[in-house]
Amino acid sequence: MTTSEIQELFNKTLSADYEDEDAWEAVAALRMDGSRETFDVAADWISAEEPMKRARAAAVLGQLQQLGLSGTEEPQRMYRDESFALVAGVFESEGEALVLSSAISALGHLRNGAGIPVILKYLHHPDQDVRFSSAFALGCFPDDERAISGLLLLARDEDAEVRDWAVFGMGVLGSGDSAEIREALLTSLRDTDENVREEAAVGLGKRKDVRLLPALRGMLDEPGLKVRIAEAASALLGLAEDPAEWEAQDYKDALDQQFFSIR
């Protein structure tokens, strides 16, 4: 990618509001460029006066990568250590929620465990986007005890999307198993939000917790078999994968047969 093309893409990231689709397409293109020049521009922007520039810089630095020469290999992550140092440095003086949210997400993408203590400082932040980014970022370290402690707290957040990602990270992505995790998942099974309930069901199924059965049967009685409900049932049954041909009744029959004694 040429210098002018890189600069054009960076400028495009500022052309509209933060959630603009075209702006994010420009961010994605810069991430996939992964060149030293792209890194250098982002490194300059991370300390810019304009908050949007700082936020976009963090978003780019968090996922810089390049395809291999053949284009068939997994993309190679670029400048991860340098990017981590720059993104982590943001928190020394940053007060803008937009930038904090972007930088926290970047810490998750960079997969450096040294970022976990930084993320944990923002679990009670008044901005829900910052807390949402914290749930996402901690979910990138789903089996780290420090991350689990944060996800357990965020699973009780007032915002449903935050709770959803916290339960997904802790219960679905993570393999940790403790009484505290199971109790949190059982509580989330009664959440007012459907997505949270379904992620909790998958997490409990993954841990073979038969206390899931009453709620799971109720979920299987609902119209249309949901993907996550099938996943939860398959996990509880010990199936390697969801049988493609099974309908809700097939799962109910299998559950009744396997867990007849606790029906």
C-alpha atoms as a PDB file:
ATOM      1  CA  MET A   1       0.000   0.000   0.000  1.00  0.00           C
ATOM      2  CA  THR A   2       1.377   3.419  -0.926  1.00  0.00           C
ATOM      3  CA  THR A   3       1.891   6.324   1.453  1.00  0.00           C
ATOM      4  CA  SER A   4      -1.000   8.239  -0.104  1.00  0.00           C
ATOM      5  CA  GLU A   5      -3.310   5.218   0.158  1.00  0.00           C
ATOM      6  CA  ILE A   6      -2.442   4.758   3.820  1.00  0.00           C
ATOM      7  CA  GLN A   7      -3.043   8.429   4.556  1.00  0.00           C
ATOM      8  CA  GLU A   8      -6.330   8.352   2.668  1.00  0.00           C
ATOM      9  CA  LEU A   9      -7.529   5.434   4.776  1.00  0.00           C
ATOM     10  CA  PHE A  10      -6.528   7.126   8.025  1.00  0.00           C
ATOM     11  CA  ASN A  11      -8.388  10.261   6.939  1.00  0.00           C
ATOM     12  CA  LYS A  12     -11.421   8.153   6.067  1.00  0.00           C
ATOM     13  CA  THR A  13     -11.560   6.870   9.657  1.00  0.00           C
ATOM     14  CA  LEU A  14     -12.323  10.452  10.712  1.00  0.00           C
ATOM     15  CA  SER A  15     -14.928  11.167   8.035  1.00  0.00           C
ATOM     16  CA  ALA A  16     -17.996  10.321  10.124  1.00  0.00           C
ATOM     17  CA  ASP A  17     -19.043   9.280  13.619  1.00  0.00           C
ATOM     18  CA  TYR A  18     -17.325   6.460  15.477  1.00  0.00           C
ATOM     19  CA  GLU A  19     -19.753   3.712  14.452  1.00  0.00           C
ATOM     20  CA  ASP A  20     -19.824   4.640  10.754  1.00  0.00           C
ATOM     21  CA  GLU A  21     -19.508   1.535   8.565  1.00  0.00           C
ATOM     22  CA  ASP A  22     -17.227   3.132   5.974  1.00  0.00           C
ATOM     23  CA  ALA A  23     -14.898   4.414   8.674  1.00  0.00           C
ATOM     24  CA  TRP A  24     -14.622   0.921  10.146  1.00  0.00           C
ATOM     25  CA  GLU A  25     -13.937  -0.532   6.707  1.00  0.00           C
ATOM     26  CA  ALA A  26     -10.973   1.859   6.541  1.00  0.00           C
ATOM     27  CA  VAL A  27      -9.829   0.675   9.980  1.00  0.00           C
ATOM     28  CA  ALA A  28     -10.070  -2.944   8.793  1.00  0.00           C
ATOM     29  CA  ALA A  29      -8.004  -2.189   5.684  1.00  0.00           C
ATOM     30  CA  LEU A  30      -5.302  -0.517   7.768  1.00  0.00           C
ATOM     31  CA  ARG A  31      -5.230  -3.452  10.153  1.00  0.00           C
ATOM     32  CA  MET A  32      -4.695  -5.867   7.281  1.00  0.00           C
ATOM     33  CA  ASP A  33      -1.980  -3.689   5.734  1.00  0.00           C
ATOM     34  CA  GLY A  34       0.168  -4.179   8.822  1.00  0.00           C
ATOM     35  CA  SER A  35       3.088  -2.234   7.385  1.00  0.00           C
ATOM     36  CA  ARG A  36       5.643  -0.284   9.371  1.00  0.00           C
ATOM     37  CA  GLU A  37       4.305   2.897   7.819  1.00  0.00           C
ATOM     38  CA  THR A  38       0.774   2.140   9.033  1.00  0.00           C
ATOM     39  CA  PHE A  39       2.146   1.389  12.481  1.00  0.00           C
ATOM     40  CA  ASP A  40       4.077   4.665  12.518  1.00  0.00           C
ATOM     41  CA  VAL A  41       1.029   6.759  11.613  1.00  0.00           C
ATOM     42  CA  ALA A  42      -1.054   5.018  14.280  1.00  0.00           C
ATOM     43  CA  ALA A  43       1.769   5.488  16.786  1.00  0.00           C
ATOM     44  CA  ASP A  44       1.687   9.213  16.029  1.00  0.00           C
ATOM     45  CA  TRP A  45      -2.104   9.415  16.294  1.00  0.00           C
ATOM     46  CA  ILE A  46      -2.226   7.639  19.665  1.00  0.00           C
ATOM     47  CA  SER A  47      -1.053  10.853  21.328  1.00  0.00           C
ATOM     48  CA  ALA A  48      -2.962  13.264  19.091  1.00  0.00           C
ATOM     49  CA  GLU A  49      -5.024  16.082  20.573  1.00  0.00           C
ATOM     50  CA  GLU A  50      -8.213  14.895  18.853  1.00  0.00           C
ATOM     51  CA  PRO A  51      -9.923  12.041  20.794  1.00  0.00           C
ATOM     52  CA  MET A  52     -11.201  10.384  17.612  1.00  0.00           C
ATOM     53  CA  LYS A  53      -7.649  10.088  16.312  1.00  0.00           C
ATOM     54  CA  ARG A  54      -6.537   8.449  19.555  1.00  0.00           C
ATOM     55  CA  ALA A  55      -9.469   6.052  19.453  1.00  0.00           C
ATOM     56  CA  ARG A  56      -8.845   5.078  15.825  1.00  0.00           C
ATOM     57  CA  ALA A  57      -5.129   4.640  16.496  1.00  0.00           C
ATOM     58  CA  ALA A  58      -5.836   2.190  19.313  1.00  0.00           C
ATOM     59  CA  ALA A  59      -8.265   0.279  17.103  1.00  0.00           C
ATOM     60  CA  VAL A  60      -5.620  -0.074  14.385  1.00  0.00           C
ATOM     61  CA  LEU A  61      -2.731  -0.930  16.710  1.00  0.00           C
ATOM     62  CA  GLY A  62      -4.725  -3.657  18.412  1.00  0.00           C
ATOM     63  CA  GLN A  63      -4.994  -5.786  15.276  1.00  0.00           C
ATOM     64  CA  LEU A  64      -2.158  -5.002  12.875  1.00  0.00           C
ATOM     65  CA  GLN A  65      -1.484  -8.042  10.708  1.00  0.00           C
ATOM     66  CA  GLN A  66      -0.207  -9.188   7.350  1.00  0.00           C
ATOM     67  CA  LEU A  67      -1.022 -12.120   5.106  1.00  0.00           C
ATOM     68  CA  GLY A  68       1.782 -14.504   4.191  1.00  0.00           C
ATOM     69  CA  LEU A  69       3.325 -14.353   0.740  1.00  0.00           C
ATOM     70  CA  SER A  70       1.099 -17.135  -0.549  1.00  0.00           C
ATOM     71  CA  GLY A  71      -2.001 -15.563   0.967  1.00  0.00           C
ATOM     72  CA  THR A  72      -3.162 -18.924   2.306  1.00  0.00           C
ATOM     73  CA  GLU A  73      -1.575 -18.917   5.773  1.00  0.00           C
ATOM     74  CA  GLU A  74      -3.061 -17.410   8.888  1.00  0.00           C
ATOM     75  CA  PRO A  75      -2.306 -13.671   8.987  1.00  0.00           C
ATOM     76  CA  GLN A  76       0.807 -12.814  10.975  1.00  0.00           C
ATOM     77  CA  ARG A  77       0.290 -10.374  13.831  1.00  0.00           C
ATOM     78  CA  MET A  78       2.602  -7.390  13.524  1.00  0.00           C
ATOM     79  CA  TYR A  79       4.312  -5.097  16.064  1.00  0.00           C
ATOM     80  CA  ARG A  80       2.433  -6.576  19.007  1.00  0.00           C
ATOM     81  CA  ASP A  81       4.924  -5.641  21.720  1.00  0.00           C
ATOM     82  CA  GLU A  82       5.377  -2.101  20.424  1.00  0.00           C
ATOM     83  CA  SER A  83       1.635  -1.687  19.988  1.00  0.00           C
ATOM     84  CA  PHE A  84       0.968  -2.956  23.502  1.00  0.00           C
ATOM     85  CA  ALA A  85       3.366  -0.443  24.994  1.00  0.00           C
ATOM     86  CA  LEU A  86       1.689   2.405  23.107  1.00  0.00           C
ATOM     87  CA  VAL A  87      -1.857   1.347  23.933  1.00  0.00           C
ATOM     88  CA  ALA A  88      -1.066   0.669  27.587  1.00  0.00           C
ATOM     89  CA  GLY A  89       0.467   4.121  27.821  1.00  0.00           C
ATOM     90  CA  VAL A  90      -2.862   5.687  26.874  1.00  0.00           C
ATOM     91  CA  PHE A  91      -4.297   4.969  30.310  1.00  0.00           C
ATOM     92  CA  GLU A  92      -1.786   7.132  32.141  1.00  0.00           C
ATOM     93  CA  SER A  93      -3.726  10.290  31.291  1.00  0.00           C
ATOM     94  CA  GLU A  94      -6.781   9.382  29.206  1.00  0.00           C
ATOM     95  CA  GLY A  95     -10.211  10.541  30.347  1.00  0.00           C
ATOM     96  CA  GLU A  96     -12.309  10.274  27.172  1.00  0.00           C
ATOM     97  CA  ALA A  97     -14.675   7.309  27.291  1.00  0.00           C
ATOM     98  CA  LEU A  98     -14.447   6.819  23.517  1.00  0.00           C
ATOM     99  CA  VAL A  99     -10.677   6.425  23.663  1.00  0.00           C
ATOM    100  CA  LEU A 100     -10.769   4.267  26.791  1.00  0.00           C
ATOM    101  CA  SER A 101     -13.263   1.904  25.168  1.00  0.00           C
ATOM    102  CA  SER A 102     -11.143   1.556  22.027  1.00  0.00           C
ATOM    103  CA  ALA A 103      -7.897   1.110  23.955  1.00  0.00           C
ATOM    104  CA  ILE A 104      -9.373  -1.505  26.299  1.00  0.00           C
ATOM    105  CA  SER A 105     -10.629  -3.511  23.327  1.00  0.00           C
ATOM    106  CA  ALA A 106      -7.154  -3.258  21.804  1.00  0.00           C
ATOM    107  CA  LEU A 107      -5.617  -4.692  24.981  1.00  0.00           C
ATOM    108  CA  GLY A 108      -7.851  -7.714  24.546  1.00  0.00           C
ATOM    109  CA  HIS A 109      -6.888  -8.178  20.912  1.00  0.00           C
ATOM    110  CA  LEU A 110      -3.186  -7.870  21.731  1.00  0.00           C
ATOM    111  CA  ARG A 111      -3.465 -10.840  24.138  1.00  0.00           C
ATOM    112  CA  ASN A 112      -0.793  -9.575  26.525  1.00  0.00           C
ATOM    113  CA  GLY A 113      -1.652 -10.639  30.067  1.00  0.00           C
ATOM    114  CA  ALA A 114       0.087  -7.561  31.437  1.00  0.00           C
ATOM    115  CA  GLY A 115      -2.954  -5.627  30.254  1.00  0.00           C
ATOM    116  CA  ILE A 116      -5.383  -7.436  32.569  1.00  0.00           C
ATOM    117  CA  PRO A 117      -4.695  -5.254  35.650  1.00  0.00           C
ATOM    118  CA  VAL A 118      -5.290  -2.189  33.492  1.00  0.00           C
ATOM    119  CA  ILE A 119      -8.625  -3.506  32.234  1.00  0.00           C
ATOM    120  CA  LEU A 120      -9.762  -4.362  35.768  1.00  0.00           C
ATOM    121  CA  LYS A 121      -9.590  -0.705  36.761  1.00  0.00           C
ATOM    122  CA  TYR A 122     -12.530   0.105  34.487  1.00  0.00           C
ATOM    123  CA  LEU A 123     -15.164  -2.414  35.576  1.00  0.00           C
ATOM    124  CA  HIS A 124     -17.143   0.290  37.392  1.00  0.00           C
ATOM    125  CA  HIS A 125     -16.698   3.019  34.812  1.00  0.00           C
ATOM    126  CA  PRO A 126     -19.911   5.060  34.341  1.00  0.00           C
ATOM    127  CA  ASP A 127     -19.822   4.657  30.564  1.00  0.00           C
ATOM    128  CA  GLN A 128     -21.397   1.365  29.463  1.00  0.00           C
ATOM    129  CA  ASP A 129     -19.239   1.191  26.318  1.00  0.00           C
ATOM    130  CA  VAL A 130     -16.131   1.205  28.487  1.00  0.00           C
ATOM    131  CA  ARG A 131     -17.554  -1.597  30.619  1.00  0.00           C
ATOM    132  CA  PHE A 132     -18.607  -3.488  27.466  1.00  0.00           C
ATOM    133  CA  SER A 133     -15.058  -3.230  26.108  1.00  0.00           C
ATOM    134  CA  SER A 134     -13.798  -4.469  29.470  1.00  0.00           C
ATOM    135  CA  ALA A 135     -16.049  -7.534  29.232  1.00  0.00           C
ATOM    136  CA  PHE A 136     -14.825  -8.217  25.711  1.00  0.00           C
ATOM    137  CA  ALA A 137     -11.173  -7.713  26.598  1.00  0.00           C
ATOM    138  CA  LEU A 138     -11.281  -9.914  29.703  1.00  0.00           C
ATOM    139  CA  GLY A 139     -12.971 -12.576  27.579  1.00  0.00           C
ATOM    140  CA  CYS A 140      -9.772 -12.694  25.527  1.00  0.00           C
ATOM    141  CA  PHE A 141      -8.143 -14.204  28.656  1.00  0.00           C
ATOM    142  CA  PRO A 142     -11.004 -16.524  29.661  1.00  0.00           C
ATOM    143  CA  ASP A 143      -8.965 -18.912  31.808  1.00  0.00           C
ATOM    144  CA  ASP A 144      -6.922 -16.317  33.660  1.00  0.00           C
ATOM    145  CA  GLU A 145      -8.061 -16.111  37.290  1.00  0.00           C
ATOM    146  CA  ARG A 146      -7.779 -12.319  37.274  1.00  0.00           C
ATOM    147  CA  ALA A 147      -9.950 -12.071  34.185  1.00  0.00           C
ATOM    148  CA  ILE A 148     -12.496 -14.500  35.617  1.00  0.00           C
ATOM    149  CA  SER A 149     -12.874 -12.357  38.735  1.00  0.00           C
ATOM    150  CA  GLY A 150     -13.642  -9.359  36.539  1.00  0.00           C
ATOM    151  CA  LEU A 151     -16.079 -11.279  34.359  1.00  0.00           C
ATOM    152  CA  LEU A 152     -17.927 -12.528  37.432  1.00  0.00           C
ATOM    153  CA  LEU A 153     -18.476  -8.929  38.459  1.00  0.00           C
ATOM    154  CA  LEU A 154     -19.507  -7.772  34.970  1.00  0.00           C
ATOM    155  CA  ALA A 155     -21.979 -10.656  34.749  1.00  0.00           C
ATOM    156  CA  ARG A 156     -24.029  -8.602  37.243  1.00  0.00           C
ATOM    157  CA  ASP A 157     -23.718  -5.325  35.326  1.00  0.00           C
ATOM    158  CA  GLU A 158     -26.821  -3.171  34.824  1.00  0.00           C
ATOM    159  CA  ASP A 159     -26.357  -3.241  31.038  1.00  0.00           C
ATOM    160  CA  ALA A 160     -27.550  -6.385  29.238  1.00  0.00           C
ATOM    161  CA  GLU A 161     -24.857  -6.292  26.532  1.00  0.00           C
ATOM    162  CA  VAL A 162     -22.143  -6.095  29.177  1.00  0.00           C
ATOM    163  CA  ARG A 163     -23.665  -9.046  31.024  1.00  0.00           C
ATOM    164  CA  ASP A 164     -23.982 -10.977  27.765  1.00  0.00           C
ATOM    165  CA  TRP A 165     -20.285 -10.646  26.905  1.00  0.00           C
ATOM    166  CA  ALA A 166     -19.201 -11.329  30.464  1.00  0.00           C
ATOM    167  CA  VAL A 167     -21.201 -14.564  30.605  1.00  0.00           C
ATOM    168  CA  PHE A 168     -19.995 -15.533  27.133  1.00  0.00           C
ATOM    169  CA  GLY A 169     -16.344 -14.999  28.100  1.00  0.00           C
ATOM    170  CA  MET A 170     -16.551 -16.707  31.461  1.00  0.00           C
ATOM    171  CA  GLY A 171     -18.965 -19.488  30.612  1.00  0.00           C
ATOM    172  CA  VAL A 172     -18.514 -20.270  26.923  1.00  0.00           C
ATOM    173  CA  LEU A 173     -14.979 -19.211  25.979  1.00  0.00           C
ATOM    174  CA  GLY A 174     -13.533 -20.136  29.351  1.00  0.00           C
ATOM    175  CA  SER A 175     -12.932 -23.613  30.697  1.00  0.00           C
ATOM    176  CA  GLY A 176     -12.708 -22.577  34.338  1.00  0.00           C
ATOM    177  CA  ASP A 177     -14.978 -24.521  36.657  1.00  0.00           C
ATOM    178  CA  SER A 178     -15.727 -23.530  40.205  1.00  0.00           C
ATOM    179  CA  ALA A 179     -18.732 -23.217  42.477  1.00  0.00           C
ATOM    180  CA  GLU A 180     -18.616 -19.443  42.004  1.00  0.00           C
ATOM    181  CA  ILE A 181     -18.638 -19.693  38.218  1.00  0.00           C
ATOM    182  CA  ARG A 182     -21.506 -22.203  38.244  1.00  0.00           C
ATOM    183  CA  GLU A 183     -23.570 -20.116  40.641  1.00  0.00           C
ATOM    184  CA  ALA A 184     -23.024 -17.050  38.469  1.00  0.00           C
ATOM    185  CA  LEU A 185     -24.170 -18.999  35.411  1.00  0.00           C
ATOM    186  CA  LEU A 186     -27.241 -20.281  37.266  1.00  0.00           C
ATOM    187  CA  THR A 187     -28.110 -16.725  38.240  1.00  0.00           C
ATOM    188  CA  SER A 188     -27.641 -15.610  34.627  1.00  0.00           C
ATOM    189  CA  LEU A 189     -29.954 -18.406  33.524  1.00  0.00           C
ATOM    190  CA  ARG A 190     -32.753 -16.293  35.068  1.00  0.00           C
ATOM    191  CA  ASP A 191     -31.608 -13.034  33.464  1.00  0.00           C
ATOM    192  CA  THR A 192     -34.170 -10.705  31.886  1.00  0.00           C
ATOM    193  CA  ASP A 193     -32.169 -10.763  28.641  1.00  0.00           C
ATOM    194  CA  GLU A 194     -32.559 -13.756  26.312  1.00  0.00           C
ATOM    195  CA  ASN A 195     -28.974 -13.627  25.039  1.00  0.00           C
ATOM    196  CA  VAL A 196     -27.599 -13.741  28.572  1.00  0.00           C
ATOM    197  CA  ARG A 197     -29.844 -16.700  29.443  1.00  0.00           C
ATOM    198  CA  GLU A 198     -28.749 -18.621  26.366  1.00  0.00           C
ATOM    199  CA  GLU A 199     -25.025 -17.999  26.952  1.00  0.00           C
ATOM    200  CA  ALA A 200     -25.498 -19.146  30.554  1.00  0.00           C
ATOM    201  CA  ALA A 201     -27.190 -22.322  29.313  1.00  0.00           C
ATOM    202  CA  VAL A 202     -24.232 -23.087  27.045  1.00  0.00           C
ATOM    203  CA  GLY A 203     -21.823 -22.477  29.911  1.00  0.00           C
ATOM    204  CA  LEU A 204     -23.699 -24.797  32.256  1.00  0.00           C
ATOM    205  CA  GLY A 205     -24.060 -27.455  29.568  1.00  0.00           C
ATOM    206  CA  LYS A 206     -20.337 -27.277  28.929  1.00  0.00           C
ATOM    207  CA  ARG A 207     -19.771 -27.978  32.631  1.00  0.00           C
ATOM    208  CA  LYS A 208     -22.314 -30.855  32.642  1.00  0.00           C
ATOM    209  CA  ASP A 209     -24.320 -29.162  35.393  1.00  0.00           C
ATOM    210  CA  VAL A 210     -27.651 -30.987  35.554  1.00  0.00           C
ATOM    211  CA  ARG A 211     -29.253 -28.046  37.347  1.00  0.00           C
ATOM    212  CA  LEU A 212     -29.602 -26.663  33.831  1.00  0.00           C
ATOM    213  CA  LEU A 213     -32.222 -29.296  32.932  1.00  0.00           C
ATOM    214  CA  PRO A 214     -35.485 -27.553  33.969  1.00  0.00           C
ATOM    215  CA  ALA A 215     -34.617 -24.305  32.209  1.00  0.00           C
ATOM    216  CA  LEU A 216     -33.205 -26.120  29.198  1.00  0.00           C
ATOM    217  CA  ARG A 217     -36.379 -28.135  28.732  1.00  0.00           C
ATOM    218  CA  GLY A 218     -38.330 -24.884  28.833  1.00  0.00           C
ATOM    219  CA  MET A 219     -36.041 -23.381  26.191  1.00  0.00           C
ATOM    220  CA  LEU A 220     -36.517 -26.430  23.989  1.00  0.00           C
ATOM    221  CA  ASP A 221     -40.293 -25.955  24.231  1.00  0.00           C
ATOM    222  CA  GLU A 222     -40.028 -22.489  22.674  1.00  0.00           C
ATOM    223  CA  PRO A 223     -40.818 -22.105  18.941  1.00  0.00           C
ATOM    224  CA  GLY A 224     -37.795 -22.591  16.690  1.00  0.00           C
ATOM    225  CA  LEU A 225     -34.689 -24.374  17.909  1.00  0.00           C
ATOM    226  CA  LYS A 226     -32.061 -21.751  18.738  1.00  0.00           C
ATOM    227  CA  VAL A 227     -28.428 -22.490  17.864  1.00  0.00           C
ATOM    228  CA  ARG A 228     -27.216 -21.817  21.396  1.00  0.00           C
ATOM    229  CA  ILE A 229     -29.936 -23.963  22.928  1.00  0.00           C
ATOM    230  CA  ALA A 230     -28.910 -26.859  20.687  1.00  0.00           C
ATOM    231  CA  GLU A 231     -25.311 -26.208  21.699  1.00  0.00           C
ATOM    232  CA  ALA A 232     -26.221 -26.241  25.391  1.00  0.00           C
ATOM    233  CA  ALA A 233     -28.193 -29.469  25.057  1.00  0.00           C
ATOM    234  CA  SER A 234     -25.464 -31.170  23.038  1.00  0.00           C
ATOM    235  CA  ALA A 235     -22.859 -30.184  25.610  1.00  0.00           C
ATOM    236  CA  LEU A 236     -24.929 -31.465  28.516  1.00  0.00           C
ATOM    237  CA  LEU A 237     -25.495 -34.729  26.633  1.00  0.00           C
ATOM    238  CA  GLY A 238     -21.775 -35.068  25.973  1.00  0.00           C
ATOM    239  CA  LEU A 239     -22.161 -34.960  22.185  1.00  0.00           C
ATOM    240  CA  ALA A 240     -19.089 -33.961  20.211  1.00  0.00           C
ATOM    241  CA  GLU A 241     -21.203 -31.716  17.969  1.00  0.00           C
ATOM    242  CA  ASP A 242     -24.818 -30.749  17.393  1.00  0.00           C
ATOM    243  CA  PRO A 243     -26.519 -33.453  15.285  1.00  0.00           C
ATOM    244  CA  ALA A 244     -27.487 -31.598  12.108  1.00  0.00           C
ATOM    245  CA  GLU A 245     -30.767 -33.444  11.682  1.00  0.00           C
ATOM    246  CA  TRP A 246     -32.018 -33.097  15.259  1.00  0.00           C
ATOM    247  CA  GLU A 247     -35.018 -30.971  16.161  1.00  0.00           C
ATOM    248  CA  ALA A 248     -36.024 -29.788  19.621  1.00  0.00           C
ATOM    249  CA  GLN A 249     -37.965 -32.969  20.305  1.00  0.00           C
ATOM    250  CA  ASP A 250     -34.903 -35.103  19.569  1.00  0.00           C
ATOM    251  CA  TYR A 251     -32.960 -33.194  22.203  1.00  0.00           C
ATOM    252  CA  LYS A 252     -35.803 -33.514  24.698  1.00  0.00           C
ATOM    253  CA  ASP A 253     -36.031 -37.256  24.106  1.00  0.00           C
ATOM    254  CA  ALA A 254     -32.273 -37.679  24.512  1.00  0.00           C
ATOM    255  CA  LEU A 255     -32.246 -35.610  27.688  1.00  0.00           C
ATOM    256  CA  ASP A 256     -35.171 -37.557  29.146  1.00  0.00           C
ATOM    257  CA  GLN A 257     -33.439 -40.836  28.371  1.00  0.00           C
ATOM    258  CA  GLN A 258     -30.021 -39.842  29.734  1.00  0.00           C
ATOM    259  CA  PHE A 259     -31.289 -38.016  32.808  1.00  0.00           C
ATOM    260  CA  PHE A 260     -34.384 -40.096  33.503  1.00  0.00           C
ATOM    261  CA  SER A 261     -33.614 -40.379  37.221  1.00  0.00           C
ATOM    262  CA  ILE A 262     -33.707 -36.601  37.753  1.00  0.00           C
ATOM    263  CA  ARG A 263     -36.655 -35.710  35.542  1.00  0.00           C
END
